PDB file of all heavy atoms in Angstrom:
ATOM      1  N   SER A   1     219.657 -81.407  90.204  1.00  0.00           N
ATOM      2  CA  SER A   1     218.605 -81.604  91.197  1.00  0.00           C
ATOM      3  C   SER A   1     218.941 -81.045  92.575  1.00  0.00           C
ATOM      4  O   SER A   1     218.133 -81.168  93.494  1.00  0.00           O
ATOM      5  CB  SER A   1     218.279 -83.092  91.316  1.00  0.00           C
ATOM      6  OG  SER A   1     219.411 -83.832  91.734  1.00  0.00           O
ATOM      7  N   ILE A   2     220.108 -80.436  92.728  1.00  0.00           N
ATOM      8  CA  ILE A   2     220.518 -79.918  94.026  1.00  0.00           C
ATOM      9  C   ILE A   2     220.659 -78.402  94.029  1.00  0.00           C
ATOM     10  O   ILE A   2     221.345 -77.834  94.875  1.00  0.00           O
ATOM     11  CB  ILE A   2     221.839 -80.561  94.499  1.00  0.00           C
ATOM     12  CG1 ILE A   2     222.969 -80.263  93.514  1.00  0.00           C
ATOM     13  CG2 ILE A   2     221.665 -82.056  94.692  1.00  0.00           C
ATOM     14  CD1 ILE A   2     224.333 -80.646  94.041  1.00  0.00           C
ATOM     15  N   PHE A   3     219.996 -77.749  93.097  1.00  0.00           N
ATOM     16  CA  PHE A   3     220.113 -76.300  92.979  1.00  0.00           C
ATOM     17  C   PHE A   3     219.762 -75.587  94.278  1.00  0.00           C
ATOM     18  O   PHE A   3     220.462 -74.665  94.704  1.00  0.00           O
ATOM     19  CB  PHE A   3     219.209 -75.795  91.855  1.00  0.00           C
ATOM     20  CG  PHE A   3     219.228 -74.302  91.684  1.00  0.00           C
ATOM     21  CD1 PHE A   3     220.198 -73.695  90.906  1.00  0.00           C
ATOM     22  CD2 PHE A   3     218.281 -73.512  92.310  1.00  0.00           C
ATOM     23  CE1 PHE A   3     220.223 -72.318  90.748  1.00  0.00           C
ATOM     24  CE2 PHE A   3     218.287 -72.132  92.161  1.00  0.00           C
ATOM     25  CZ  PHE A   3     219.268 -71.536  91.374  1.00  0.00           C
ATOM     26  N   SER A   4     218.686 -76.002  94.915  1.00  0.00           N
ATOM     27  CA  SER A   4     218.172 -75.293  96.081  1.00  0.00           C
ATOM     28  C   SER A   4     219.104 -75.331  97.282  1.00  0.00           C
ATOM     29  O   SER A   4     218.988 -74.483  98.172  1.00  0.00           O
ATOM     30  CB  SER A   4     216.802 -75.844  96.482  1.00  0.00           C
ATOM     31  OG  SER A   4     216.904 -77.190  96.900  1.00  0.00           O
ATOM     32  N   ILE A   5     220.035 -76.280  97.324  1.00  0.00           N
ATOM     33  CA  ILE A   5     220.955 -76.377  98.449  1.00  0.00           C
ATOM     34  C   ILE A   5     222.385 -76.000  98.062  1.00  0.00           C
ATOM     35  O   ILE A   5     223.322 -76.257  98.813  1.00  0.00           O
ATOM     36  CB  ILE A   5     220.946 -77.787  99.074  1.00  0.00           C
ATOM     37  CG1 ILE A   5     221.330 -78.850  98.054  1.00  0.00           C
ATOM     38  CG2 ILE A   5     219.571 -78.090  99.673  1.00  0.00           C
ATOM     39  CD1 ILE A   5     221.523 -80.230  98.666  1.00  0.00           C
ATOM     40  N   SER A   6     222.532 -75.390  96.912  1.00  0.00           N
ATOM     41  CA  SER A   6     223.844 -75.006  96.419  1.00  0.00           C
ATOM     42  C   SER A   6     223.980 -73.491  96.337  1.00  0.00           C
ATOM     43  O   SER A   6     223.051 -72.792  95.945  1.00  0.00           O
ATOM     44  CB  SER A   6     224.082 -75.612  95.041  1.00  0.00           C
ATOM     45  OG  SER A   6     225.326 -75.200  94.511  1.00  0.00           O
ATOM     46  N   ALA A   7     225.156 -72.999  96.699  1.00  0.00           N
ATOM     47  CA  ALA A   7     225.479 -71.617  96.393  1.00  0.00           C
ATOM     48  C   ALA A   7     225.624 -71.466  94.882  1.00  0.00           C
ATOM     49  O   ALA A   7     225.940 -72.428  94.178  1.00  0.00           O
ATOM     50  CB  ALA A   7     226.774 -71.211  97.085  1.00  0.00           C
ATOM     51  N   MET A   8     225.382 -70.274  94.381  1.00  0.00           N
ATOM     52  CA  MET A   8     225.541 -69.982  92.963  1.00  0.00           C
ATOM     53  C   MET A   8     226.321 -68.687  92.822  1.00  0.00           C
ATOM     54  O   MET A   8     226.284 -67.821  93.697  1.00  0.00           O
ATOM     55  CB  MET A   8     224.188 -69.850  92.268  1.00  0.00           C
ATOM     56  CG  MET A   8     223.335 -71.112  92.280  1.00  0.00           C
ATOM     57  SD  MET A   8     224.054 -72.476  91.315  1.00  0.00           S
ATOM     58  CE  MET A   8     224.025 -71.787  89.657  1.00  0.00           C
ATOM     59  N   ALA A   9     227.025 -68.553  91.708  1.00  0.00           N
ATOM     60  CA  ALA A   9     227.869 -67.382  91.510  1.00  0.00           C
ATOM     61  C   ALA A   9     227.877 -66.934  90.062  1.00  0.00           C
ATOM     62  O   ALA A   9     227.609 -67.719  89.143  1.00  0.00           O
ATOM     63  CB  ALA A   9     229.302 -67.678  91.958  1.00  0.00           C
ATOM     64  N   TRP A  10     228.173 -65.664  89.873  1.00  0.00           N
ATOM     65  CA  TRP A  10     228.431 -65.095  88.558  1.00  0.00           C
ATOM     66  C   TRP A  10     229.875 -64.621  88.503  1.00  0.00           C
ATOM     67  O   TRP A  10     230.342 -63.935  89.418  1.00  0.00           O
ATOM     68  CB  TRP A  10     227.507 -63.916  88.251  1.00  0.00           C
ATOM     69  CG  TRP A  10     226.097 -64.302  87.940  1.00  0.00           C
ATOM     70  CD1 TRP A  10     225.044 -64.328  88.797  1.00  0.00           C
ATOM     71  CD2 TRP A  10     225.593 -64.694  86.660  1.00  0.00           C
ATOM     72  NE1 TRP A  10     223.904 -64.718  88.140  1.00  0.00           N
ATOM     73  CE2 TRP A  10     224.211 -64.950  86.822  1.00  0.00           C
ATOM     74  CE3 TRP A  10     226.163 -64.858  85.394  1.00  0.00           C
ATOM     75  CZ2 TRP A  10     223.391 -65.361  85.770  1.00  0.00           C
ATOM     76  CZ3 TRP A  10     225.352 -65.272  84.352  1.00  0.00           C
ATOM     77  CH2 TRP A  10     223.993 -65.516  84.543  1.00  0.00           C
ATOM     78  N   TYR A  11     230.569 -64.996  87.442  1.00  0.00           N
ATOM     79  CA  TYR A  11     231.914 -64.527  87.151  1.00  0.00           C
ATOM     80  C   TYR A  11     231.899 -63.789  85.821  1.00  0.00           C
ATOM     81  O   TYR A  11     230.954 -63.912  85.037  1.00  0.00           O
ATOM     82  CB  TYR A  11     232.894 -65.694  87.044  1.00  0.00           C
ATOM     83  CG  TYR A  11     233.271 -66.364  88.346  1.00  0.00           C
ATOM     84  CD1 TYR A  11     232.412 -67.260  88.970  1.00  0.00           C
ATOM     85  CD2 TYR A  11     234.508 -66.122  88.935  1.00  0.00           C
ATOM     86  CE1 TYR A  11     232.764 -67.892  90.152  1.00  0.00           C
ATOM     87  CE2 TYR A  11     234.873 -66.748  90.112  1.00  0.00           C
ATOM     88  CZ  TYR A  11     234.002 -67.633  90.716  1.00  0.00           C
ATOM     89  OH  TYR A  11     234.366 -68.264  91.889  1.00  0.00           O
ATOM     90  N   ARG A  12     232.966 -63.054  85.560  1.00  0.00           N
ATOM     91  CA  ARG A  12     233.105 -62.439  84.250  1.00  0.00           C
ATOM     92  C   ARG A  12     234.572 -62.437  83.839  1.00  0.00           C
ATOM     93  O   ARG A  12     235.468 -62.461  84.676  1.00  0.00           O
ATOM     94  CB  ARG A  12     232.542 -61.015  84.222  1.00  0.00           C
ATOM     95  CG  ARG A  12     233.309 -60.006  85.058  1.00  0.00           C
ATOM     96  CD  ARG A  12     232.580 -58.670  85.052  1.00  0.00           C
ATOM     97  NE  ARG A  12     233.290 -57.650  85.815  1.00  0.00           N
ATOM     98  CZ  ARG A  12     232.808 -56.442  86.066  1.00  0.00           C
ATOM     99  NH1 ARG A  12     231.600 -56.092  85.612  1.00  0.00           N
ATOM    100  NH2 ARG A  12     233.525 -55.576  86.768  1.00  0.00           N
ATOM    101  N   GLN A  13     234.794 -62.406  82.537  1.00  0.00           N
ATOM    102  CA  GLN A  13     236.145 -62.362  82.005  1.00  0.00           C
ATOM    103  C   GLN A  13     236.179 -61.489  80.765  1.00  0.00           C
ATOM    104  O   GLN A  13     235.471 -61.744  79.793  1.00  0.00           O
ATOM    105  CB  GLN A  13     236.658 -63.762  81.676  1.00  0.00           C
ATOM    106  CG  GLN A  13     238.123 -63.792  81.266  1.00  0.00           C
ATOM    107  CD  GLN A  13     238.698 -65.190  81.255  1.00  0.00           C
ATOM    108  OE1 GLN A  13     237.967 -66.172  81.127  1.00  0.00           O
ATOM    109  NE2 GLN A  13     240.004 -65.290  81.399  1.00  0.00           N
ATOM    110  N   ALA A  14     236.997 -60.461  80.820  1.00  0.00           N
ATOM    111  CA  ALA A  14     237.214 -59.585  79.682  1.00  0.00           C
ATOM    112  C   ALA A  14     238.460 -60.048  78.938  1.00  0.00           C
ATOM    113  O   ALA A  14     239.342 -60.677  79.523  1.00  0.00           O
ATOM    114  CB  ALA A  14     237.375 -58.144  80.146  1.00  0.00           C
ATOM    115  N   PRO A  15     238.568 -59.737  77.642  1.00  0.00           N
ATOM    116  CA  PRO A  15     239.743 -60.140  76.870  1.00  0.00           C
ATOM    117  C   PRO A  15     241.038 -59.655  77.515  1.00  0.00           C
ATOM    118  O   PRO A  15     241.159 -58.489  77.885  1.00  0.00           O
ATOM    119  CB  PRO A  15     239.520 -59.475  75.511  1.00  0.00           C
ATOM    120  CG  PRO A  15     238.034 -59.355  75.406  1.00  0.00           C
ATOM    121  CD  PRO A  15     237.582 -59.037  76.797  1.00  0.00           C
ATOM    122  N   GLY A  16     242.004 -60.564  77.655  1.00  0.00           N
ATOM    123  CA  GLY A  16     243.287 -60.220  78.224  1.00  0.00           C
ATOM    124  C   GLY A  16     243.309 -60.080  79.729  1.00  0.00           C
ATOM    125  O   GLY A  16     244.344 -59.713  80.289  1.00  0.00           O
ATOM    126  N   LYS A  17     242.195 -60.359  80.379  1.00  0.00           N
ATOM    127  CA  LYS A  17     242.125 -60.235  81.827  1.00  0.00           C
ATOM    128  C   LYS A  17     241.737 -61.560  82.464  1.00  0.00           C
ATOM    129  O   LYS A  17     241.184 -62.438  81.814  1.00  0.00           O
ATOM    130  CB  LYS A  17     241.126 -59.150  82.228  1.00  0.00           C
ATOM    131  CG  LYS A  17     241.505 -57.752  81.773  1.00  0.00           C
ATOM    132  CD  LYS A  17     240.550 -56.710  82.321  1.00  0.00           C
ATOM    133  CE  LYS A  17     240.965 -55.314  81.927  1.00  0.00           C
ATOM    134  NZ  LYS A  17     240.041 -54.291  82.482  1.00  0.00           N
ATOM    135  N   GLN A  18     242.043 -61.681  83.745  1.00  0.00           N
ATOM    136  CA  GLN A  18     241.685 -62.879  84.483  1.00  0.00           C
ATOM    137  C   GLN A  18     240.190 -62.900  84.789  1.00  0.00           C
ATOM    138  O   GLN A  18     239.540 -61.859  84.883  1.00  0.00           O
ATOM    139  CB  GLN A  18     242.476 -62.964  85.787  1.00  0.00           C
ATOM    140  CG  GLN A  18     243.961 -63.195  85.614  1.00  0.00           C
ATOM    141  CD  GLN A  18     244.658 -63.472  86.930  1.00  0.00           C
ATOM    142  OE1 GLN A  18     244.112 -63.253  88.004  1.00  0.00           O
ATOM    143  NE2 GLN A  18     245.882 -63.964  86.845  1.00  0.00           N
ATOM    144  N   ARG A  19     239.676 -64.097  84.929  1.00  0.00           N
ATOM    145  CA  ARG A  19     238.299 -64.260  85.355  1.00  0.00           C
ATOM    146  C   ARG A  19     238.145 -63.698  86.763  1.00  0.00           C
ATOM    147  O   ARG A  19     239.008 -63.911  87.622  1.00  0.00           O
ATOM    148  CB  ARG A  19     237.928 -65.744  85.339  1.00  0.00           C
ATOM    149  CG  ARG A  19     236.489 -66.047  85.744  1.00  0.00           C
ATOM    150  CD  ARG A  19     236.273 -67.551  85.822  1.00  0.00           C
ATOM    151  NE  ARG A  19     237.085 -68.153  86.877  1.00  0.00           N
ATOM    152  CZ  ARG A  19     237.222 -69.459  87.075  1.00  0.00           C
ATOM    153  NH1 ARG A  19     236.607 -70.318  86.269  1.00  0.00           N
ATOM    154  NH2 ARG A  19     237.974 -69.913  88.074  1.00  0.00           N
ATOM    155  N   GLU A  20     237.065 -62.982  87.003  1.00  0.00           N
ATOM    156  CA  GLU A  20     236.835 -62.417  88.315  1.00  0.00           C
ATOM    157  C   GLU A  20     235.430 -62.720  88.808  1.00  0.00           C
ATOM    158  O   GLU A  20     234.477 -62.787  88.036  1.00  0.00           O
ATOM    159  CB  GLU A  20     237.070 -60.900  88.312  1.00  0.00           C
ATOM    160  CG  GLU A  20     236.108 -60.111  87.452  1.00  0.00           C
ATOM    161  CD  GLU A  20     236.293 -58.608  87.578  1.00  0.00           C
ATOM    162  OE1 GLU A  20     236.963 -58.158  88.533  1.00  0.00           O
ATOM    163  OE2 GLU A  20     235.770 -57.872  86.722  1.00  0.00           O
ATOM    164  N   LEU A  21     235.324 -62.885  90.098  1.00  0.00           N
ATOM    165  CA  LEU A  21     234.037 -63.130  90.732  1.00  0.00           C
ATOM    166  C   LEU A  21     233.246 -61.832  90.787  1.00  0.00           C
ATOM    167  O   LEU A  21     233.760 -60.804  91.227  1.00  0.00           O
ATOM    168  CB  LEU A  21     234.242 -63.688  92.138  1.00  0.00           C
ATOM    169  CG  LEU A  21     232.992 -64.009  92.953  1.00  0.00           C
ATOM    170  CD1 LEU A  21     232.193 -65.128  92.293  1.00  0.00           C
ATOM    171  CD2 LEU A  21     233.381 -64.405  94.375  1.00  0.00           C
ATOM    172  N   VAL A  22     231.998 -61.888  90.362  1.00  0.00           N
ATOM    173  CA  VAL A  22     231.126 -60.725  90.367  1.00  0.00           C
ATOM    174  C   VAL A  22     230.185 -60.747  91.565  1.00  0.00           C
ATOM    175  O   VAL A  22     230.046 -59.750  92.279  1.00  0.00           O
ATOM    176  CB  VAL A  22     230.305 -60.628  89.069  1.00  0.00           C
ATOM    177  CG1 VAL A  22     229.333 -59.451  89.116  1.00  0.00           C
ATOM    178  CG2 VAL A  22     231.236 -60.506  87.869  1.00  0.00           C
ATOM    179  N   ALA A  23     229.524 -61.881  91.774  1.00  0.00           N
ATOM    180  CA  ALA A  23     228.537 -61.977  92.843  1.00  0.00           C
ATOM    181  C   ALA A  23     228.320 -63.425  93.236  1.00  0.00           C
ATOM    182  O   ALA A  23     228.487 -64.331  92.426  1.00  0.00           O
ATOM    183  CB  ALA A  23     227.210 -61.352  92.412  1.00  0.00           C
ATOM    184  N   VAL A  24     227.938 -63.624  94.493  1.00  0.00           N
ATOM    185  CA  VAL A  24     227.643 -64.954  95.022  1.00  0.00           C
ATOM    186  C   VAL A  24     226.339 -64.887  95.795  1.00  0.00           C
ATOM    187  O   VAL A  24     226.065 -63.897  96.487  1.00  0.00           O
ATOM    188  CB  VAL A  24     228.759 -65.457  95.959  1.00  0.00           C
ATOM    189  CG1 VAL A  24     228.373 -66.796  96.581  1.00  0.00           C
ATOM    190  CG2 VAL A  24     230.074 -65.587  95.211  1.00  0.00           C
ATOM    191  N   ILE A  25     225.544 -65.940  95.683  1.00  0.00           N
ATOM    192  CA  ILE A  25     224.359 -66.072  96.515  1.00  0.00           C
ATOM    193  C   ILE A  25     224.371 -67.463  97.127  1.00  0.00           C
ATOM    194  O   ILE A  25     224.571 -68.458  96.439  1.00  0.00           O
ATOM    195  CB  ILE A  25     223.058 -65.801  95.719  1.00  0.00           C
ATOM    196  CG1 ILE A  25     221.846 -65.832  96.653  1.00  0.00           C
ATOM    197  CG2 ILE A  25     222.901 -66.772  94.555  1.00  0.00           C
ATOM    198  CD1 ILE A  25     220.592 -65.234  96.028  1.00  0.00           C
ATOM    199  N   THR A  26     224.191 -67.536  98.443  1.00  0.00           N
ATOM    200  CA  THR A  26     224.210 -68.814  99.140  1.00  0.00           C
ATOM    201  C   THR A  26     222.862 -69.499  99.033  1.00  0.00           C
ATOM    202  O   THR A  26     221.886 -68.936  98.544  1.00  0.00           O
ATOM    203  CB  THR A  26     224.562 -68.630 100.621  1.00  0.00           C
ATOM    204  OG1 THR A  26     223.475 -67.977 101.284  1.00  0.00           O
ATOM    205  CG2 THR A  26     225.830 -67.802 100.789  1.00  0.00           C
ATOM    206  N   SER A  27     222.809 -70.738  99.516  1.00  0.00           N
ATOM    207  CA  SER A  27     221.543 -71.458  99.526  1.00  0.00           C
ATOM    208  C   SER A  27     220.512 -70.760 100.400  1.00  0.00           C
ATOM    209  O   SER A  27     219.308 -70.909 100.173  1.00  0.00           O
ATOM    210  CB  SER A  27     221.748 -72.900 100.012  1.00  0.00           C
ATOM    211  OG  SER A  27     222.273 -72.926 101.323  1.00  0.00           O
ATOM    212  N   GLY A  28     220.981 -70.005 101.386  1.00  0.00           N
ATOM    213  CA  GLY A  28     220.095 -69.243 102.251  1.00  0.00           C
ATOM    214  C   GLY A  28     219.809 -67.843 101.744  1.00  0.00           C
ATOM    215  O   GLY A  28     219.189 -67.049 102.449  1.00  0.00           O
ATOM    216  N   ALA A  29     220.298 -67.530 100.541  1.00  0.00           N
ATOM    217  CA  ALA A  29     220.043 -66.263  99.851  1.00  0.00           C
ATOM    218  C   ALA A  29     220.862 -65.087 100.381  1.00  0.00           C
ATOM    219  O   ALA A  29     220.553 -63.936 100.074  1.00  0.00           O
ATOM    220  CB  ALA A  29     218.551 -65.921  99.853  1.00  0.00           C
TER     221      ALA A  29
END
């Protein structure tokens, strides 16, 4: 219920590699 006031992010992980941040969007877009 707090989606609109939360930042959101996309990460990705390839086999044998560390998870990495792809993109972030803040509550203010």
